[in-house]
C-alpha atoms as a PDB file:
ATOM      1  CA  MET A   1     118.103  94.098 147.460  1.00  0.00           C
ATOM      2  CA  SER A   2     119.931  92.020 144.626  1.00  0.00           C
ATOM      3  CA  ALA A   3     121.825  88.520 144.658  1.00  0.00           C
ATOM      4  CA  ILE A   4     123.693  86.562 142.102  1.00  0.00           C
ATOM      5  CA  LEU A   5     121.989  82.787 141.564  1.00  0.00           C
ATOM      6  CA  THR A   6     124.290  80.116 140.181  1.00  0.00           C
ATOM      7  CA  ARG A   7     122.377  78.033 137.119  1.00  0.00           C
ATOM      8  CA  ASP A   8     121.540  75.294 140.234  1.00  0.00           C
ATOM      9  CA  GLU A   9     119.465  77.578 142.012  1.00  0.00           C
ATOM     10  CA  LEU A  10     117.845  79.492 139.463  1.00  0.00           C
ATOM     11  CA  LYS A  11     116.914  75.648 138.077  1.00  0.00           C
ATOM     12  CA  ALA A  12     115.793  74.781 142.056  1.00  0.00           C
ATOM     13  CA  LYS A  13     113.472  77.876 142.008  1.00  0.00           C
ATOM     14  CA  MET A  14     111.750  76.959 138.806  1.00  0.00           C
ATOM     15  CA  ASP A  15     111.424  73.610 140.014  1.00  0.00           C
ATOM     16  CA  HIS A  16     109.917  74.334 142.910  1.00  0.00           C
ATOM     17  CA  GLY A  17     107.650  76.578 141.169  1.00  0.00           C
ATOM     18  CA  ASP A  18     108.727  79.794 143.148  1.00  0.00           C
ATOM     19  CA  ASP A  19     106.579  83.155 142.495  1.00  0.00           C
ATOM     20  CA  PHE A  20     109.298  85.002 140.310  1.00  0.00           C
ATOM     21  CA  LYS A  21     109.600  87.031 137.429  1.00  0.00           C
ATOM     22  CA  LEU A  22     112.435  85.506 134.876  1.00  0.00           C
ATOM     23  CA  VAL A  23     113.671  88.055 132.370  1.00  0.00           C
ATOM     24  CA  GLU A  24     115.630  87.827 129.292  1.00  0.00           C
ATOM     25  CA  ALA A  25     117.694  90.411 128.796  1.00  0.00           C
ATOM     26  CA  LEU A  26     118.923  90.036 125.360  1.00  0.00           C
ATOM     27  CA  ALA A  27     117.816  91.573 122.077  1.00  0.00           C
ATOM     28  CA  GLU A  28     114.233  90.037 120.486  1.00  0.00           C
ATOM     29  CA  ASP A  29     115.727  87.989 117.930  1.00  0.00           C
ATOM     30  CA  ALA A  30     118.030  86.379 120.694  1.00  0.00           C
ATOM     31  CA  TYR A  31     115.175  85.756 122.882  1.00  0.00           C
ATOM     32  CA  LYS A  32     112.953  84.111 119.682  1.00  0.00           C
ATOM     33  CA  ASP A  33     115.634  81.706 119.150  1.00  0.00           C
ATOM     34  CA  TRP A  34     116.568  80.578 122.513  1.00  0.00           C
ATOM     35  CA  HIS A  35     114.996  81.530 126.221  1.00  0.00           C
ATOM     36  CA  LEU A  36     114.384  79.781 129.651  1.00  0.00           C
ATOM     37  CA  PRO A  37     110.539  78.457 129.419  1.00  0.00           C
ATOM     38  CA  GLY A  38     108.464  81.185 131.301  1.00  0.00           C
ATOM     39  CA  ALA A  39     110.995  84.117 130.445  1.00  0.00           C
ATOM     40  CA  ILE A  40     109.572  87.199 129.256  1.00  0.00           C
ATOM     41  CA  ASN A  41     111.931  89.234 127.067  1.00  0.00           C
ATOM     42  CA  ILE A  42     113.052  92.881 128.082  1.00  0.00           C
ATOM     43  CA  PRO A  43     116.174  93.618 126.020  1.00  0.00           C
ATOM     44  CA  ALA A  44     118.460  96.203 128.301  1.00  0.00           C
ATOM     45  CA  SER A  45     118.319  98.961 125.572  1.00  0.00           C
ATOM     46  CA  LYS A  46     114.449  98.769 126.169  1.00  0.00           C
ATOM     47  CA  VAL A  47     114.468  98.519 130.071  1.00  0.00           C
ATOM     48  CA  ARG A  48     113.224 102.009 130.876  1.00  0.00           C
ATOM     49  CA  GLU A  49     110.516 101.764 128.362  1.00  0.00           C
ATOM     50  CA  LEU A  50     109.190  97.921 128.974  1.00  0.00           C
ATOM     51  CA  ALA A  51     109.987  97.442 132.595  1.00  0.00           C
ATOM     52  CA  PRO A  52     106.772  99.700 134.240  1.00  0.00           C
ATOM     53  CA  THR A  53     104.273  97.734 131.990  1.00  0.00           C
ATOM     54  CA  MET A  54     106.016  94.228 131.989  1.00  0.00           C
ATOM     55  CA  LEU A  55     107.144  94.334 135.690  1.00  0.00           C
ATOM     56  CA  PRO A  56     104.224  96.503 137.757  1.00  0.00           C
ATOM     57  CA  ASP A  57     104.775  94.945 141.455  1.00  0.00           C
ATOM     58  CA  LYS A  58     107.891  97.079 142.455  1.00  0.00           C
ATOM     59  CA  ASN A  59     108.074  94.016 145.081  1.00  0.00           C
ATOM     60  CA  ALA A  60     107.988  91.151 142.976  1.00  0.00           C
ATOM     61  CA  ASP A  61     111.509  88.647 143.207  1.00  0.00           C
ATOM     62  CA  ILE A  62     112.414  89.267 139.727  1.00  0.00           C
ATOM     63  CA  VAL A  63     115.441  87.315 137.940  1.00  0.00           C
ATOM     64  CA  VAL A  64     117.544  88.773 134.578  1.00  0.00           C
ATOM     65  CA  TYR A  65     119.515  87.060 132.746  1.00  0.00           C
ATOM     66  CA  CYS A  66     121.491  87.243 129.525  1.00  0.00           C
ATOM     67  CA  GLY A  67     123.328  84.512 127.878  1.00  0.00           C
ATOM     68  CA  SER A  68     124.995  83.763 124.639  1.00  0.00           C
ATOM     69  CA  PHE A  69     127.054  81.245 122.858  1.00  0.00           C
ATOM     70  CA  THR A  70     130.138  82.622 123.719  1.00  0.00           C
END
């Protein structure tokens, strides 16, 4: 199942300590410069390579985001 979360909904999940994986989908350099607390980096270009080891639980609640200054 997929859903779109608003910023406020994501903040509420974080504030409540909900159990989920937060994934930043931008390139590594963007992740290093700016990412949300607790986020792991899986760039879109490396999803097939990294996701199986970094997100092994196929039943986990996963929130993927990307962001830029534009």
